[in-house]
Amino acid sequence: MSEHNFEQMRRAMVASQLRTTGVNDPRVLAAMGSVPRERFVPPERAPIAYADALVPLGEGRQLNSPMALGKLLTEAAPQPSERAMVIGAATGYAAAVLARLVGSVVAVEEDEALAARAKTALAGSGVTVIEGPLAEGYKQGAPYDLILIDGAVEYVPAALIDQLAEGGRIASGIIEQGVQRLAIGRRAGEGFGLTAFSDVAAAVVPGFLKPRAFSF
């Protein structure tokens, strides 16, 4: 497909998948309308890069739908002066979008192959890609004003909450009794809690399952 085709698909994504579902922040719309999503998926998946669906990336991972990312970013309201971290960066698409909305971005990915692809795709963007355990974040870059978990998790570990600045936000998908929702939380002193705001499916991020209670 040509660059012109992808540009048309990008415009259609903004018009039909984002604007119609409550993604109304002009800066978020502009960022998602300018980042070439097709560069962050395997070449054979490029024709479906802008589909309103999860896109397989290989390594058992998926790229979030445009609507899920757009809703998370709209609710998080990133600001130009802020420091942000993306957890579960995968190939780097969410980090590329976020880099157009904040002052600096650290993108954490634990899968070696995906991290390598992210580094290539994000070259020149100013995003720092860190290869390491997702649940540990990157405390050397803390505190962060915004942490975006690019997918759904069962819980947010204390290690990530501790890396938030006072008043900082975490935007994430959450899994509650098998149901996926998008949620936002803000740190206030030692307190933190996520509040769901939309029932939208998101890619599951590995390594964030709650410990299962033992039963006979």
Protein backbone atom coordinates (compact mmCIF):
# COMPACT_ATOMS: atom_id res chain seq x y z
CA MET A 1 0.00 0.00 0.00
CA SER A 2 1.16 3.54 -0.67
CA GLU A 3 1.89 6.33 1.79
CA HIS A 4 -1.17 8.08 0.39
CA ASN A 5 -3.37 5.10 1.30
CA PHE A 6 -2.05 5.08 4.87
CA GLU A 7 -2.61 8.81 5.18
CA GLN A 8 -6.24 8.34 4.14
CA MET A 9 -6.63 5.50 6.65
CA ARG A 10 -5.15 7.69 9.38
CA ARG A 11 -7.65 10.46 8.65
CA ALA A 12 -10.50 7.93 8.64
CA MET A 13 -9.31 6.56 12.00
CA VAL A 14 -9.47 10.02 13.56
CA ALA A 15 -12.86 10.80 12.04
CA SER A 16 -14.68 7.50 12.59
CA GLN A 17 -12.95 5.75 15.50
CA LEU A 18 -11.82 8.64 17.71
CA ARG A 19 -14.06 11.68 17.29
CA THR A 20 -17.21 9.54 17.41
CA THR A 21 -16.26 7.79 20.68
CA GLY A 22 -15.47 10.71 22.96
CA VAL A 23 -11.83 11.25 22.04
CA ASN A 24 -12.14 15.02 21.77
CA ASP A 25 -8.83 16.45 22.99
CA PRO A 26 -7.48 18.38 19.96
CA ARG A 27 -3.86 17.63 20.90
CA VAL A 28 -4.53 13.88 21.20
CA LEU A 29 -6.36 13.86 17.87
CA ALA A 30 -3.52 15.75 16.19
CA ALA A 31 -0.87 13.42 17.63
CA MET A 32 -2.70 10.25 16.63
CA GLY A 33 -3.43 11.75 13.23
CA SER A 34 0.25 12.38 12.58
CA VAL A 35 2.03 9.23 13.85
CA PRO A 36 2.29 6.57 11.11
CA ARG A 37 0.80 3.58 12.92
CA GLU A 38 1.70 1.24 10.06
CA ARG A 39 5.39 1.54 11.01
CA PHE A 40 4.73 -0.05 14.38
CA VAL A 41 3.21 -3.33 13.20
CA PRO A 42 4.75 -6.26 11.29
CA PRO A 43 4.86 -5.50 7.53
CA GLU A 44 2.26 -8.14 6.75
CA ARG A 45 -0.13 -6.47 9.24
CA ALA A 46 0.27 -2.97 7.83
CA PRO A 47 -3.02 -3.12 5.84
CA ILE A 48 -4.93 -3.56 9.15
CA ALA A 49 -2.82 -1.14 11.20
CA TYR A 50 -5.74 1.31 11.46
CA ALA A 51 -8.48 -1.25 12.09
CA ASP A 52 -10.72 -0.74 15.12
CA ALA A 53 -9.26 -3.85 16.71
CA LEU A 54 -6.24 -5.30 18.48
CA VAL A 55 -3.43 -5.92 15.97
CA PRO A 56 -1.14 -8.96 16.50
CA LEU A 57 2.52 -7.98 16.88
CA GLY A 58 4.04 -11.42 17.37
CA GLU A 59 5.72 -12.58 20.58
CA GLY A 60 2.19 -13.17 21.92
CA ARG A 61 1.53 -9.43 22.10
CA GLN A 62 -0.99 -7.08 20.50
CA LEU A 63 -1.23 -3.41 19.64
CA ASN A 64 -4.08 -1.63 21.41
CA SER A 65 -6.95 -0.35 19.29
CA PRO A 66 -6.80 3.35 18.40
CA MET A 67 -9.95 3.97 20.46
CA ALA A 68 -8.45 2.43 23.63
CA LEU A 69 -5.29 4.53 23.37
CA GLY A 70 -7.20 7.66 22.42
CA LYS A 71 -9.56 7.35 25.38
CA LEU A 72 -6.70 6.72 27.83
CA LEU A 73 -4.78 9.75 26.61
CA THR A 74 -7.85 11.99 26.60
CA GLU A 75 -8.66 11.06 30.19
CA ALA A 76 -5.01 11.42 31.26
CA ALA A 77 -4.74 14.92 29.73
CA PRO A 78 -0.94 14.93 29.15
CA GLN A 79 0.75 18.34 29.27
CA PRO A 80 3.77 19.65 27.31
CA SER A 81 5.96 20.10 30.40
CA GLU A 82 5.38 16.63 31.85
CA ARG A 83 7.59 13.56 32.20
CA ALA A 84 5.89 10.34 31.14
CA MET A 85 6.60 6.61 31.16
CA VAL A 86 4.97 3.94 29.00
CA ILE A 87 4.77 0.44 30.47
CA GLY A 88 4.41 -2.37 27.93
CA ALA A 89 5.75 -0.25 25.09
CA ALA A 90 5.81 -3.22 22.66
CA THR A 91 6.84 -1.75 19.27
CA GLY A 92 6.57 1.84 20.53
CA TYR A 93 3.39 3.26 18.98
CA ALA A 94 1.87 4.66 22.20
CA ALA A 95 5.25 6.13 23.15
CA ALA A 96 5.51 7.83 19.75
CA VAL A 97 2.08 9.41 20.20
CA LEU A 98 2.79 10.44 23.79
CA ALA A 99 6.12 12.00 22.77
CA ARG A 100 4.12 14.59 20.80
CA LEU A 101 2.12 15.51 23.91
CA VAL A 102 4.63 15.72 26.78
CA GLY A 103 8.17 16.92 27.47
CA SER A 104 9.90 13.53 27.75
CA VAL A 105 9.00 9.85 27.47
CA VAL A 106 10.59 6.67 28.82
CA ALA A 107 9.25 3.49 27.19
CA VAL A 108 9.73 0.21 29.09
CA GLU A 109 9.51 -3.16 27.33
CA GLU A 110 10.72 -6.53 28.65
CA ASP A 111 10.54 -8.56 25.43
CA GLU A 112 13.92 -8.33 23.71
CA ALA A 113 12.58 -8.58 20.15
CA LEU A 114 9.82 -6.01 20.70
CA ALA A 115 12.21 -3.63 22.47
CA ALA A 116 14.58 -3.84 19.50
CA ARG A 117 11.74 -3.03 17.11
CA ALA A 118 10.68 -0.12 19.32
CA LYS A 119 14.19 1.32 19.32
CA THR A 120 14.24 1.20 15.51
CA ALA A 121 10.75 2.62 15.07
CA LEU A 122 11.33 5.39 17.64
CA ALA A 123 14.75 6.48 16.37
CA GLY A 124 14.90 10.26 16.31
CA SER A 125 11.70 10.70 18.35
CA GLY A 126 13.46 11.56 21.60
CA VAL A 127 11.88 8.57 23.40
CA THR A 128 14.19 6.59 25.69
CA VAL A 129 13.54 2.85 25.30
CA ILE A 130 14.41 0.74 28.35
CA GLU A 131 14.52 -3.06 28.20
CA GLY A 132 13.54 -4.51 31.55
CA PRO A 133 10.73 -5.98 33.70
CA LEU A 134 7.50 -4.09 33.10
CA ALA A 135 6.30 -4.30 36.69
CA GLU A 136 9.45 -2.54 37.89
CA GLY A 137 9.20 0.51 35.63
CA TYR A 138 12.32 2.67 35.45
CA LYS A 139 12.94 4.38 38.76
CA GLN A 140 16.09 6.12 37.50
CA GLY A 141 13.83 8.43 35.49
CA ALA A 142 11.27 9.00 38.25
CA PRO A 143 9.25 10.84 39.35
CA TYR A 144 6.81 10.78 36.44
CA ASP A 145 3.79 13.01 36.01
CA LEU A 146 2.06 10.37 33.90
CA ILE A 147 2.45 6.61 33.60
CA LEU A 148 0.62 4.99 30.70
CA ILE A 149 0.21 1.22 30.93
CA ASP A 150 -0.45 0.38 27.30
CA GLY A 151 -2.93 -2.43 27.83
CA ALA A 152 -4.92 -4.22 30.51
CA VAL A 153 -3.60 -5.46 33.86
CA GLU A 154 -5.18 -7.06 36.92
CA TYR A 155 -3.41 -4.71 39.32
CA VAL A 156 -0.88 -1.88 39.43
CA PRO A 157 2.19 -2.80 41.54
CA ALA A 158 3.46 -0.51 44.28
CA ALA A 159 6.78 -0.16 42.42
CA LEU A 160 5.03 1.82 39.68
CA ILE A 161 2.90 3.91 42.03
CA ASP A 162 6.07 4.84 43.94
CA GLN A 163 7.49 6.32 40.72
CA LEU A 164 4.61 8.78 40.36
CA ALA A 165 5.08 12.42 41.29
CA GLU A 166 2.62 13.88 43.79
CA GLY A 167 -0.59 14.41 41.85
CA GLY A 168 0.71 12.21 39.04
CA ARG A 169 -1.65 9.95 37.07
CA ILE A 170 -1.67 6.37 35.89
CA ALA A 171 -3.83 5.54 32.87
CA SER A 172 -4.38 1.86 32.17
CA GLY A 173 -6.72 -0.88 31.16
CA ILE A 174 -7.83 -3.00 34.11
CA ILE A 175 -9.26 -6.52 34.30
CA GLU A 176 -11.96 -7.01 36.93
CA GLN A 177 -13.63 -10.42 37.16
CA GLY A 178 -12.78 -11.07 33.54
CA VAL A 179 -14.15 -7.75 32.30
CA GLN A 180 -11.79 -5.19 30.75
CA ARG A 181 -12.22 -1.47 31.39
CA LEU A 182 -10.14 1.65 30.96
CA ALA A 183 -9.22 3.45 34.17
CA ILE A 184 -7.40 6.48 35.55
CA GLY A 185 -5.85 7.05 38.96
CA ARG A 186 -4.05 9.92 40.69
CA ARG A 187 -1.51 9.82 43.50
CA ALA A 188 -2.35 11.86 46.58
CA GLY A 189 0.28 11.41 49.31
CA GLU A 190 0.41 7.69 50.04
CA GLY A 191 -3.01 7.14 48.53
CA PHE A 192 -3.78 5.83 45.06
CA GLY A 193 -6.74 4.15 43.40
CA LEU A 194 -7.93 3.47 39.87
CA THR A 195 -11.39 4.55 38.73
CA ALA A 196 -12.85 2.90 35.63
CA PHE A 197 -14.38 5.24 33.07
CA SER A 198 -15.06 3.13 29.95
CA ASP A 199 -15.77 -0.50 29.08
CA VAL A 200 -13.25 -1.00 26.29
CA ALA A 201 -11.18 -4.10 25.55
CA ALA A 202 -7.41 -3.63 25.65
CA ALA A 203 -4.36 -5.77 24.91
CA VAL A 204 -3.32 -7.76 27.98
CA VAL A 205 0.08 -6.71 29.34
CA PRO A 206 2.10 -9.69 30.67
CA GLY A 207 3.33 -9.86 34.25
CA PHE A 208 0.44 -8.16 36.07
CA LEU A 209 -1.72 -11.06 37.25
CA LYS A 210 -2.94 -11.04 40.84
CA PRO A 211 -1.62 -13.95 42.91
CA ARG A 212 -4.23 -16.72 42.96
CA ALA A 213 -5.39 -17.95 46.36
CA PHE A 214 -4.66 -21.64 46.99
CA SER A 215 -7.71 -23.90 47.11
CA PHE A 216 -8.23 -27.66 47.44
